[in-house]
Structure formats: structure tokens, C-alpha cells
Amino acid sequence: MNTTEAKNYTETKILTPIQAIRAKCLDCCCGQRNEVKLCPCTDCSLYPYRMGKRPKNPASAAENGDIDVGEGIDTTQQ
């Protein structure tokens, strides 16, 4: 999907939040899917969602530094 396709995709379809994040990441990387995969901006709040999927385990993603765990999410093991 190149930049033009990403823009057409967002203009013709109502996107889910995850799809909108993916479209934004493609736009940021000039439509290059491989560049989205290799994105060096790990401090970006969209980084864990850049591949169009939710992180499998928010607790482990937070431990790896992939996401910022907000209030109300208990990441301790019970």
C-alpha cells in the first residue's frame, strides 16, 4: 500500500481505531510497509499498534517498554 492507496483507503471506508493507526503509520513512513515494521520511533505512542494489531499482552509490552501503562492496569503477577 503506497501513500495514495493509504489516503484512498481512509477516504472511502470508516476505519477502526487500529486501522486508523496503521494508516497513520503508513503515512508517516511514506507508504512503505517495511519502514513501518522497522520504525525507530519506539517512544511514539502508536508504536505498539503500528502493525495493525493490538499487543497480545499489555503487561509484557509495558515491561519491554513498548507501551506506557496507564493508571488502572495492574501489571503485577498474582
C-alpha atoms as a PDB file:
ATOM      1  CA  MET A   1       0.000   0.000   0.000  1.00  0.00           C
ATOM      2  CA  ASN A   2       1.551   3.274  -1.045  1.00  0.00           C
ATOM      3  CA  THR A   3       0.682   6.750   0.232  1.00  0.00           C
ATOM      4  CA  THR A   4      -2.007   7.303  -2.396  1.00  0.00           C
ATOM      5  CA  GLU A   5      -3.604   3.964  -1.607  1.00  0.00           C
ATOM      6  CA  ALA A   6      -3.496   4.735   2.122  1.00  0.00           C
ATOM      7  CA  LYS A   7      -5.241   8.070   1.540  1.00  0.00           C
ATOM      8  CA  ASN A   8      -7.852   6.459  -0.723  1.00  0.00           C
ATOM      9  CA  TYR A   9      -8.399   3.709   1.834  1.00  0.00           C
ATOM     10  CA  THR A  10      -9.062   6.204   4.617  1.00  0.00           C
ATOM     11  CA  GLU A  11     -11.301   8.366   2.431  1.00  0.00           C
ATOM     12  CA  THR A  12     -13.579   5.549   1.269  1.00  0.00           C
ATOM     13  CA  LYS A  13     -14.021   3.466   4.403  1.00  0.00           C
ATOM     14  CA  ILE A  14     -14.784   4.097   8.046  1.00  0.00           C
ATOM     15  CA  LEU A  15     -11.743   2.791   9.885  1.00  0.00           C
ATOM     16  CA  THR A  16     -11.479   1.094  13.222  1.00  0.00           C
ATOM     17  CA  PRO A  17      -9.014   2.748  15.617  1.00  0.00           C
ATOM     18  CA  ILE A  18      -6.388   0.073  14.870  1.00  0.00           C
ATOM     19  CA  GLN A  19      -6.822   0.579  11.109  1.00  0.00           C
ATOM     20  CA  ALA A  20      -6.541   4.340  11.558  1.00  0.00           C
ATOM     21  CA  ILE A  21      -3.281   3.890  13.480  1.00  0.00           C
ATOM     22  CA  ARG A  22      -1.931   1.632  10.736  1.00  0.00           C
ATOM     23  CA  ALA A  23      -2.915   4.204   8.086  1.00  0.00           C
ATOM     24  CA  LYS A  24      -1.182   6.961  10.093  1.00  0.00           C
ATOM     25  CA  CYS A  25       1.981   4.873  10.423  1.00  0.00           C
ATOM     26  CA  LEU A  26       1.962   4.167   6.677  1.00  0.00           C
ATOM     27  CA  ASP A  27       1.519   7.893   6.049  1.00  0.00           C
ATOM     28  CA  CYS A  28       4.404   8.697   8.410  1.00  0.00           C
ATOM     29  CA  CYS A  29       6.641   6.192   6.581  1.00  0.00           C
ATOM     30  CA  CYS A  30       5.651   7.381   3.072  1.00  0.00           C
ATOM     31  CA  GLY A  31       3.556   4.280   2.437  1.00  0.00           C
ATOM     32  CA  GLN A  32       6.463   1.867   2.915  1.00  0.00           C
ATOM     33  CA  ARG A  33       5.254  -1.177   4.871  1.00  0.00           C
ATOM     34  CA  ASN A  34       8.782  -2.333   5.620  1.00  0.00           C
ATOM     35  CA  GLU A  35       9.651   1.082   7.075  1.00  0.00           C
ATOM     36  CA  VAL A  36       6.640   0.808   9.413  1.00  0.00           C
ATOM     37  CA  LYS A  37       7.959  -2.558  10.564  1.00  0.00           C
ATOM     38  CA  LEU A  38      11.456  -1.123  11.112  1.00  0.00           C
ATOM     39  CA  CYS A  39      10.217   2.116  12.717  1.00  0.00           C
ATOM     40  CA  PRO A  40      12.888   3.553  15.046  1.00  0.00           C
ATOM     41  CA  CYS A  41      10.411   5.792  16.933  1.00  0.00           C
ATOM     42  CA  THR A  42       9.877   3.489  19.901  1.00  0.00           C
ATOM     43  CA  ASP A  43       8.791   6.426  22.069  1.00  0.00           C
ATOM     44  CA  CYS A  44       5.792   7.076  19.769  1.00  0.00           C
ATOM     45  CA  SER A  45       2.515   6.255  21.499  1.00  0.00           C
ATOM     46  CA  LEU A  46       1.345   4.452  18.341  1.00  0.00           C
ATOM     47  CA  TYR A  47       4.451   2.239  18.120  1.00  0.00           C
ATOM     48  CA  PRO A  48       2.990  -0.952  19.646  1.00  0.00           C
ATOM     49  CA  TYR A  49      -0.013  -0.733  17.300  1.00  0.00           C
ATOM     50  CA  ARG A  50       1.897   0.156  14.105  1.00  0.00           C
ATOM     51  CA  MET A  51       1.477  -3.270  12.503  1.00  0.00           C
ATOM     52  CA  GLY A  52      -2.313  -3.050  12.630  1.00  0.00           C
ATOM     53  CA  LYS A  53      -2.767  -5.342  15.617  1.00  0.00           C
ATOM     54  CA  ARG A  54      -3.150  -4.896  19.343  1.00  0.00           C
ATOM     55  CA  PRO A  55      -0.266  -6.045  21.533  1.00  0.00           C
ATOM     56  CA  LYS A  56      -1.039  -9.562  22.788  1.00  0.00           C
ATOM     57  CA  ASN A  57      -0.195  -8.904  26.421  1.00  0.00           C
ATOM     58  CA  PRO A  58      -0.203  -5.276  27.579  1.00  0.00           C
ATOM     59  CA  ALA A  59       1.728  -6.213  30.724  1.00  0.00           C
ATOM     60  CA  SER A  60       4.631  -7.793  28.840  1.00  0.00           C
ATOM     61  CA  ALA A  61       4.600  -4.993  26.256  1.00  0.00           C
ATOM     62  CA  ALA A  62       4.917  -2.488  29.099  1.00  0.00           C
ATOM     63  CA  GLU A  63       7.808  -4.412  30.616  1.00  0.00           C
ATOM     64  CA  ASN A  64       9.572  -4.344  27.250  1.00  0.00           C
ATOM     65  CA  GLY A  65       8.984  -0.614  27.014  1.00  0.00           C
ATOM     66  CA  ASP A  66       6.656  -0.981  24.030  1.00  0.00           C
ATOM     67  CA  ILE A  67       3.740   0.809  25.688  1.00  0.00           C
ATOM     68  CA  ASP A  68       3.165   3.149  28.572  1.00  0.00           C
ATOM     69  CA  VAL A  69       0.949   1.515  31.159  1.00  0.00           C
ATOM     70  CA  GLY A  70      -1.577   3.990  32.473  1.00  0.00           C
ATOM     71  CA  GLU A  71      -3.444   4.034  35.736  1.00  0.00           C
ATOM     72  CA  GLY A  72      -5.864   1.228  36.365  1.00  0.00           C
ATOM     73  CA  ILE A  73      -3.871  -1.510  34.628  1.00  0.00           C
ATOM     74  CA  ASP A  74      -2.403  -3.945  37.109  1.00  0.00           C
ATOM     75  CA  THR A  75       0.746  -5.477  35.637  1.00  0.00           C
ATOM     76  CA  THR A  76       1.741  -7.429  38.768  1.00  0.00           C
ATOM     77  CA  GLN A  77       1.546 -11.188  38.700  1.00  0.00           C
ATOM     78  CA  GLN A  78      -0.910 -12.756  41.083  1.00  0.00           C
END
